[in-house]
Amino acid sequence: MGGVLQPGRPQFFDSCAERRLTWWPELGVGFYPVECGAEPYDAAYFERYQRQADSAIGRALMQARVDLVNRHFAGTVVDIGIGSGAFLERRNGAGAGRPNTFGFDVNPIAAAWLKSRSLWLDPYQGQVPAVTLWDVLEHIPDFGALLDRVSAWVFVSIPIFTGAQHVLRSKHFRRDEHVWYFTSEGLIRTFDGCGFDLAAMNTIETDLGREDIGSFVFRRR
């Protein structure tokens, strides 16, 4: 029917977007449809993070993350996607008394590690004051549902891009893991839309030797 706009997305759009990066330059946001079940979250994944944490750069990164959180917030934090658990161990080890850093993870190996230490806390079961998302936000398709559970602080480290071509040539373009891709402005705009203001940002992880990583602190309005 010529001249009549039909409801819904055109099939051509769906065909182009299938298993390909979609980039919205006006937003500074990209999306890649990771196939469900393709994610490599298993024992080997957990062990790889253990090896990375047990290195000079790994220890420096964990300390930088602990310092970033503690500059803004001294209370209970839930670390989403714990890697090897090194951040929890370092932040809990630096304090006195009961632990104030807990974790949540979809990797069954990491979940078992947390539960065996009584450090498991599911943020989807209620409100939490703060979460850390170290190399994790880009993995979560519906991150808005998680942010809705946070009453105060979100701490993020994430790859930052200048545009779609930067994503395509980057080591961080991971078709089996990373759903979301952001420019710095796009990330800040996204959190603004979720009710958070930017409180701080830095490039300490890039300065320590990582590639194109930004660190951000957001506070609930």
C-alpha atoms as a PDB file:
ATOM      1  CA  MET A   1       0.000   0.000   0.000  1.00  0.00           C
ATOM      2  CA  GLY A   2       1.903   2.999  -1.288  1.00  0.00           C
ATOM      3  CA  GLY A   3       2.341   5.900   1.107  1.00  0.00           C
ATOM      4  CA  VAL A   4       0.932   4.044   4.120  1.00  0.00           C
ATOM      5  CA  LEU A   5       3.244   3.377   7.064  1.00  0.00           C
ATOM      6  CA  GLN A   6       2.811  -0.143   8.350  1.00  0.00           C
ATOM      7  CA  PRO A   7       3.090  -0.918  12.097  1.00  0.00           C
ATOM      8  CA  GLY A   8       6.057  -2.785  13.506  1.00  0.00           C
ATOM      9  CA  ARG A   9       9.654  -3.010  12.366  1.00  0.00           C
ATOM     10  CA  PRO A  10      10.350  -3.787   8.705  1.00  0.00           C
ATOM     11  CA  GLN A  11      11.681  -7.249   7.987  1.00  0.00           C
ATOM     12  CA  PHE A  12      14.695  -5.674   6.312  1.00  0.00           C
ATOM     13  CA  PHE A  13      15.711  -4.079   9.626  1.00  0.00           C
ATOM     14  CA  ASP A  14      15.481  -7.408  11.422  1.00  0.00           C
ATOM     15  CA  SER A  15      17.507  -9.041   8.666  1.00  0.00           C
ATOM     16  CA  CYS A  16      20.261  -6.417   8.909  1.00  0.00           C
ATOM     17  CA  ALA A  17      20.390  -6.474  12.707  1.00  0.00           C
ATOM     18  CA  GLU A  18      20.548 -10.245  13.068  1.00  0.00           C
ATOM     19  CA  ARG A  19      23.920 -11.199  14.611  1.00  0.00           C
ATOM     20  CA  ARG A  20      25.401  -7.828  13.633  1.00  0.00           C
ATOM     21  CA  LEU A  21      26.389  -4.691  15.501  1.00  0.00           C
ATOM     22  CA  THR A  22      23.768  -1.939  15.432  1.00  0.00           C
ATOM     23  CA  TRP A  23      25.135   1.514  16.253  1.00  0.00           C
ATOM     24  CA  TRP A  24      23.107   4.656  17.052  1.00  0.00           C
ATOM     25  CA  PRO A  25      25.513   7.591  16.566  1.00  0.00           C
ATOM     26  CA  GLU A  26      23.038  10.134  17.942  1.00  0.00           C
ATOM     27  CA  LEU A  27      22.996   8.203  21.211  1.00  0.00           C
ATOM     28  CA  GLY A  28      26.594   6.973  21.335  1.00  0.00           C
ATOM     29  CA  VAL A  29      25.272   3.460  21.959  1.00  0.00           C
ATOM     30  CA  GLY A  30      25.729   0.157  20.150  1.00  0.00           C
ATOM     31  CA  PHE A  31      23.955  -3.191  20.512  1.00  0.00           C
ATOM     32  CA  TYR A  32      25.014  -6.678  19.491  1.00  0.00           C
ATOM     33  CA  PRO A  33      22.493  -9.545  19.824  1.00  0.00           C
ATOM     34  CA  VAL A  34      24.519 -12.195  21.655  1.00  0.00           C
ATOM     35  CA  GLU A  35      22.943 -15.572  21.039  1.00  0.00           C
ATOM     36  CA  CYS A  36      21.467 -17.051  24.199  1.00  0.00           C
ATOM     37  CA  GLY A  37      23.652 -19.901  25.457  1.00  0.00           C
ATOM     38  CA  ALA A  38      26.767 -18.684  23.681  1.00  0.00           C
ATOM     39  CA  GLU A  39      28.205 -17.074  26.817  1.00  0.00           C
ATOM     40  CA  PRO A  40      31.358 -18.871  28.101  1.00  0.00           C
ATOM     41  CA  TYR A  41      30.551 -18.685  31.819  1.00  0.00           C
ATOM     42  CA  ASP A  42      32.069 -21.838  33.285  1.00  0.00           C
ATOM     43  CA  ALA A  43      35.008 -23.115  35.358  1.00  0.00           C
ATOM     44  CA  ALA A  44      37.572 -22.129  32.721  1.00  0.00           C
ATOM     45  CA  TYR A  45      36.144 -18.600  32.690  1.00  0.00           C
ATOM     46  CA  PHE A  46      36.468 -18.338  36.481  1.00  0.00           C
ATOM     47  CA  GLU A  47      40.005 -19.736  36.426  1.00  0.00           C
ATOM     48  CA  ARG A  48      41.066 -17.264  33.742  1.00  0.00           C
ATOM     49  CA  TYR A  49      40.027 -14.396  36.003  1.00  0.00           C
ATOM     50  CA  GLN A  50      41.916 -15.984  38.902  1.00  0.00           C
ATOM     51  CA  ARG A  51      45.104 -15.959  36.817  1.00  0.00           C
ATOM     52  CA  GLN A  52      44.563 -12.365  35.752  1.00  0.00           C
ATOM     53  CA  ALA A  53      43.956 -11.223  39.322  1.00  0.00           C
ATOM     54  CA  ASP A  54      47.137 -12.937  40.518  1.00  0.00           C
ATOM     55  CA  SER A  55      49.430 -10.557  38.633  1.00  0.00           C
ATOM     56  CA  ALA A  56      50.944  -7.136  39.219  1.00  0.00           C
ATOM     57  CA  ILE A  57      48.396  -5.379  37.023  1.00  0.00           C
ATOM     58  CA  GLY A  58      45.569  -7.460  38.476  1.00  0.00           C
ATOM     59  CA  ARG A  59      46.442  -6.476  42.032  1.00  0.00           C
ATOM     60  CA  ALA A  60      46.830  -2.811  41.027  1.00  0.00           C
ATOM     61  CA  LEU A  61      43.419  -2.867  39.327  1.00  0.00           C
ATOM     62  CA  MET A  62      41.701  -4.356  42.374  1.00  0.00           C
ATOM     63  CA  GLN A  63      43.260  -1.736  44.646  1.00  0.00           C
ATOM     64  CA  ALA A  64      42.236   1.062  42.268  1.00  0.00           C
ATOM     65  CA  ARG A  65      38.673  -0.247  42.294  1.00  0.00           C
ATOM     66  CA  VAL A  66      38.564  -0.518  46.076  1.00  0.00           C
ATOM     67  CA  ASP A  67      39.955   3.017  46.385  1.00  0.00           C
ATOM     68  CA  LEU A  68      37.385   4.368  43.913  1.00  0.00           C
ATOM     69  CA  VAL A  69      34.481   2.859  45.834  1.00  0.00           C
ATOM     70  CA  ASN A  70      35.777   3.863  49.251  1.00  0.00           C
ATOM     71  CA  ARG A  71      36.251   7.497  48.191  1.00  0.00           C
ATOM     72  CA  HIS A  72      32.497   7.725  47.718  1.00  0.00           C
ATOM     73  CA  PHE A  73      30.822   5.045  49.842  1.00  0.00           C
ATOM     74  CA  ALA A  74      31.721   3.017  52.934  1.00  0.00           C
ATOM     75  CA  GLY A  75      28.605   0.847  53.142  1.00  0.00           C
ATOM     76  CA  THR A  76      27.374  -2.419  51.689  1.00  0.00           C
ATOM     77  CA  VAL A  77      28.201  -3.078  48.033  1.00  0.00           C
ATOM     78  CA  VAL A  78      27.117  -5.925  45.764  1.00  0.00           C
ATOM     79  CA  ASP A  79      29.731  -6.826  43.157  1.00  0.00           C
ATOM     80  CA  ILE A  80      27.847  -7.961  40.048  1.00  0.00           C
ATOM     81  CA  GLY A  81      29.840 -10.506  38.033  1.00  0.00           C
ATOM     82  CA  ILE A  82      32.670 -11.171  40.470  1.00  0.00           C
ATOM     83  CA  GLY A  83      35.345 -12.425  38.068  1.00  0.00           C
ATOM     84  CA  SER A  84      37.570 -14.378  40.453  1.00  0.00           C
ATOM     85  CA  GLY A  85      36.252 -12.742  43.627  1.00  0.00           C
ATOM     86  CA  ALA A  86      39.443 -10.693  44.040  1.00  0.00           C
ATOM     87  CA  PHE A  87      37.610  -7.376  44.479  1.00  0.00           C
ATOM     88  CA  LEU A  88      35.431  -8.793  47.271  1.00  0.00           C
ATOM     89  CA  GLU A  89      38.427 -10.290  49.032  1.00  0.00           C
ATOM     90  CA  ARG A  90      40.418  -7.081  48.859  1.00  0.00           C
ATOM     91  CA  ARG A  91      37.611  -4.767  50.005  1.00  0.00           C
ATOM     92  CA  ASN A  92      36.463  -7.110  52.788  1.00  0.00           C
ATOM     93  CA  GLY A  93      40.064  -7.710  53.849  1.00  0.00           C
ATOM     94  CA  ALA A  94      40.732  -3.978  54.147  1.00  0.00           C
ATOM     95  CA  GLY A  95      37.891  -3.472  56.618  1.00  0.00           C
ATOM     96  CA  ALA A  96      37.399  -4.503  60.205  1.00  0.00           C
ATOM     97  CA  GLY A  97      34.643  -6.743  61.498  1.00  0.00           C
ATOM     98  CA  ARG A  98      31.919  -8.215  59.308  1.00  0.00           C
ATOM     99  CA  PRO A  99      32.207  -8.130  55.497  1.00  0.00           C
ATOM    100  CA  ASN A 100      30.411  -5.324  53.689  1.00  0.00           C
ATOM    101  CA  THR A 101      31.033  -6.512  50.121  1.00  0.00           C
ATOM    102  CA  PHE A 102      28.926  -9.289  48.647  1.00  0.00           C
ATOM    103  CA  GLY A 103      28.476 -10.704  45.165  1.00  0.00           C
ATOM    104  CA  PHE A 104      26.112 -11.959  42.498  1.00  0.00           C
ATOM    105  CA  ASP A 105      27.029 -13.937  39.380  1.00  0.00           C
ATOM    106  CA  VAL A 106      25.358 -16.016  36.668  1.00  0.00           C
ATOM    107  CA  ASN A 107      28.428 -18.255  36.369  1.00  0.00           C
ATOM    108  CA  PRO A 108      27.573 -21.327  38.497  1.00  0.00           C
ATOM    109  CA  ILE A 109      31.228 -21.670  39.561  1.00  0.00           C
ATOM    110  CA  ALA A 110      31.338 -18.093  40.837  1.00  0.00           C
ATOM    111  CA  ALA A 111      27.925 -18.490  42.479  1.00  0.00           C
ATOM    112  CA  ALA A 112      29.148 -21.577  44.346  1.00  0.00           C
ATOM    113  CA  TRP A 113      32.299 -19.691  45.419  1.00  0.00           C
ATOM    114  CA  LEU A 114      30.135 -16.902  46.867  1.00  0.00           C
ATOM    115  CA  LYS A 115      27.676 -19.192  48.620  1.00  0.00           C
ATOM    116  CA  SER A 116      30.446 -21.263  50.205  1.00  0.00           C
ATOM    117  CA  ARG A 117      31.727 -18.052  51.832  1.00  0.00           C
ATOM    118  CA  SER A 118      28.280 -16.662  52.764  1.00  0.00           C
ATOM    119  CA  LEU A 119      28.861 -13.747  50.392  1.00  0.00           C
ATOM    120  CA  TRP A 120      25.971 -14.356  47.965  1.00  0.00           C
ATOM    121  CA  LEU A 121      23.447 -11.497  47.683  1.00  0.00           C
ATOM    122  CA  ASP A 122      20.847 -11.359  44.908  1.00  0.00           C
ATOM    123  CA  PRO A 123      20.066  -7.693  44.112  1.00  0.00           C
ATOM    124  CA  TYR A 124      16.953  -8.688  42.165  1.00  0.00           C
ATOM    125  CA  GLN A 125      15.303  -9.796  45.421  1.00  0.00           C
ATOM    126  CA  GLY A 126      15.194  -6.285  46.902  1.00  0.00           C
ATOM    127  CA  GLN A 127      16.806  -2.856  47.006  1.00  0.00           C
ATOM    128  CA  VAL A 128      20.567  -2.549  47.522  1.00  0.00           C
ATOM    129  CA  PRO A 129      22.467   0.673  48.272  1.00  0.00           C
ATOM    130  CA  ALA A 130      25.316   0.185  45.798  1.00  0.00           C
ATOM    131  CA  VAL A 131      26.598  -2.132  43.098  1.00  0.00           C
ATOM    132  CA  THR A 132      29.889  -2.467  41.280  1.00  0.00           C
ATOM    133  CA  LEU A 133      29.956  -3.425  37.603  1.00  0.00           C
ATOM    134  CA  TRP A 134      33.589  -4.101  36.760  1.00  0.00           C
ATOM    135  CA  ASP A 135      33.600  -5.116  33.070  1.00  0.00           C
ATOM    136  CA  VAL A 136      30.022  -6.326  33.496  1.00  0.00           C
ATOM    137  CA  LEU A 137      27.423  -3.779  32.344  1.00  0.00           C
ATOM    138  CA  GLU A 138      28.148  -4.592  28.699  1.00  0.00           C
ATOM    139  CA  HIS A 139      27.151  -8.231  29.354  1.00  0.00           C
ATOM    140  CA  ILE A 140      23.645  -7.519  30.716  1.00  0.00           C
ATOM    141  CA  PRO A 141      20.865  -7.245  28.098  1.00  0.00           C
ATOM    142  CA  ASP A 142      18.330  -5.648  30.465  1.00  0.00           C
ATOM    143  CA  PHE A 143      20.639  -3.665  32.730  1.00  0.00           C
ATOM    144  CA  GLY A 144      17.799  -1.236  33.517  1.00  0.00           C
ATOM    145  CA  ALA A 145      16.102  -3.898  35.653  1.00  0.00           C
ATOM    146  CA  LEU A 146      19.258  -4.123  37.766  1.00  0.00           C
ATOM    147  CA  LEU A 147      19.697  -0.353  38.062  1.00  0.00           C
ATOM    148  CA  ASP A 148      16.088  -0.085  39.279  1.00  0.00           C
ATOM    149  CA  ARG A 149      17.192  -2.068  42.354  1.00  0.00           C
ATOM    150  CA  VAL A 150      19.995   0.350  43.293  1.00  0.00           C
ATOM    151  CA  SER A 151      19.095   3.128  45.733  1.00  0.00           C
ATOM    152  CA  ALA A 152      22.336   5.140  45.782  1.00  0.00           C
ATOM    153  CA  TRP A 153      25.597   4.272  43.960  1.00  0.00           C
ATOM    154  CA  VAL A 154      26.765   2.467  40.826  1.00  0.00           C
ATOM    155  CA  PHE A 155      30.479   1.976  40.094  1.00  0.00           C
ATOM    156  CA  VAL A 156      31.378   0.979  36.540  1.00  0.00           C
ATOM    157  CA  SER A 157      34.449   0.040  34.533  1.00  0.00           C
ATOM    158  CA  ILE A 158      33.715  -0.523  30.869  1.00  0.00           C
ATOM    159  CA  PRO A 159      35.270  -0.316  27.385  1.00  0.00           C
ATOM    160  CA  ILE A 160      34.697   3.125  25.865  1.00  0.00           C
ATOM    161  CA  PHE A 161      34.527   3.682  22.104  1.00  0.00           C
ATOM    162  CA  THR A 162      34.579   6.629  19.710  1.00  0.00           C
ATOM    163  CA  GLY A 163      32.163   5.009  17.254  1.00  0.00           C
ATOM    164  CA  ALA A 164      31.142   1.864  15.414  1.00  0.00           C
ATOM    165  CA  GLN A 165      34.417   1.433  13.528  1.00  0.00           C
ATOM    166  CA  HIS A 166      36.314   1.607  16.810  1.00  0.00           C
ATOM    167  CA  VAL A 167      34.101  -1.199  18.156  1.00  0.00           C
ATOM    168  CA  LEU A 168      34.655  -3.413  15.108  1.00  0.00           C
ATOM    169  CA  ARG A 169      38.444  -3.240  15.346  1.00  0.00           C
ATOM    170  CA  SER A 170      38.577  -3.511  19.144  1.00  0.00           C
ATOM    171  CA  LYS A 171      39.618  -6.507  21.264  1.00  0.00           C
ATOM    172  CA  HIS A 172      36.503  -5.694  23.306  1.00  0.00           C
ATOM    173  CA  PHE A 173      34.139  -6.575  20.437  1.00  0.00           C
ATOM    174  CA  ARG A 174      33.127  -9.978  21.816  1.00  0.00           C
ATOM    175  CA  ARG A 175      30.274 -11.608  19.951  1.00  0.00           C
ATOM    176  CA  ASP A 176      29.779 -14.288  22.598  1.00  0.00           C
ATOM    177  CA  GLU A 177      29.650 -11.913  25.590  1.00  0.00           C
ATOM    178  CA  HIS A 178      29.223  -8.182  25.008  1.00  0.00           C
ATOM    179  CA  VAL A 179      25.745  -6.909  24.229  1.00  0.00           C
ATOM    180  CA  TRP A 180      26.244  -3.147  24.746  1.00  0.00           C
ATOM    181  CA  TYR A 181      28.855  -0.677  23.474  1.00  0.00           C
ATOM    182  CA  PHE A 182      29.099   2.976  24.534  1.00  0.00           C
ATOM    183  CA  THR A 183      30.903   6.214  23.971  1.00  0.00           C
ATOM    184  CA  SER A 184      31.629   8.088  27.195  1.00  0.00           C
ATOM    185  CA  GLU A 185      28.821  10.542  26.448  1.00  0.00           C
ATOM    186  CA  GLY A 186      26.490   7.679  25.533  1.00  0.00           C
ATOM    187  CA  LEU A 187      27.086   5.914  28.833  1.00  0.00           C
ATOM    188  CA  ILE A 188      26.491   9.089  30.829  1.00  0.00           C
ATOM    189  CA  ARG A 189      23.322   9.806  28.837  1.00  0.00           C
ATOM    190  CA  THR A 190      22.098   6.246  29.402  1.00  0.00           C
ATOM    191  CA  PHE A 191      22.567   6.481  33.170  1.00  0.00           C
ATOM    192  CA  ASP A 192      20.890   9.884  33.192  1.00  0.00           C
ATOM    193  CA  GLY A 193      17.862   8.241  31.608  1.00  0.00           C
ATOM    194  CA  CYS A 194      17.920   5.641  34.391  1.00  0.00           C
ATOM    195  CA  GLY A 195      17.886   8.310  37.111  1.00  0.00           C
ATOM    196  CA  PHE A 196      21.615   8.598  37.900  1.00  0.00           C
ATOM    197  CA  ASP A 197      23.969  11.576  37.794  1.00  0.00           C
ATOM    198  CA  LEU A 198      27.678  11.299  37.040  1.00  0.00           C
ATOM    199  CA  ALA A 199      29.696  11.815  40.234  1.00  0.00           C
ATOM    200  CA  ALA A 200      33.207  10.997  38.955  1.00  0.00           C
ATOM    201  CA  MET A 201      35.092   9.442  36.065  1.00  0.00           C
ATOM    202  CA  ASN A 202      38.701   8.546  35.297  1.00  0.00           C
ATOM    203  CA  THR A 203      40.951   6.438  33.078  1.00  0.00           C
ATOM    204  CA  ILE A 204      42.994   4.779  35.831  1.00  0.00           C
ATOM    205  CA  GLU A 205      42.517   1.277  34.383  1.00  0.00           C
ATOM    206  CA  THR A 206      43.795   2.406  30.987  1.00  0.00           C
ATOM    207  CA  ASP A 207      46.696   4.158  32.754  1.00  0.00           C
ATOM    208  CA  LEU A 208      47.525   0.834  34.447  1.00  0.00           C
ATOM    209  CA  GLY A 209      47.805  -0.929  31.101  1.00  0.00           C
ATOM    210  CA  ARG A 210      44.327  -1.909  29.938  1.00  0.00           C
ATOM    211  CA  GLU A 211      42.924  -0.893  26.550  1.00  0.00           C
ATOM    212  CA  ASP A 212      40.228   1.814  26.233  1.00  0.00           C
ATOM    213  CA  ILE A 213      38.687   1.323  29.701  1.00  0.00           C
ATOM    214  CA  GLY A 214      36.835   4.105  31.514  1.00  0.00           C
ATOM    215  CA  SER A 215      35.798   4.111  35.168  1.00  0.00           C
ATOM    216  CA  PHE A 216      32.612   5.916  36.235  1.00  0.00           C
ATOM    217  CA  VAL A 217      30.750   6.671  39.447  1.00  0.00           C
ATOM    218  CA  PHE A 218      27.025   7.352  39.261  1.00  0.00           C
ATOM    219  CA  ARG A 219      24.712   8.474  42.067  1.00  0.00           C
ATOM    220  CA  ARG A 220      20.938   8.099  42.205  1.00  0.00           C
ATOM    221  CA  ARG A 221      19.122  11.442  41.984  1.00  0.00           C
END
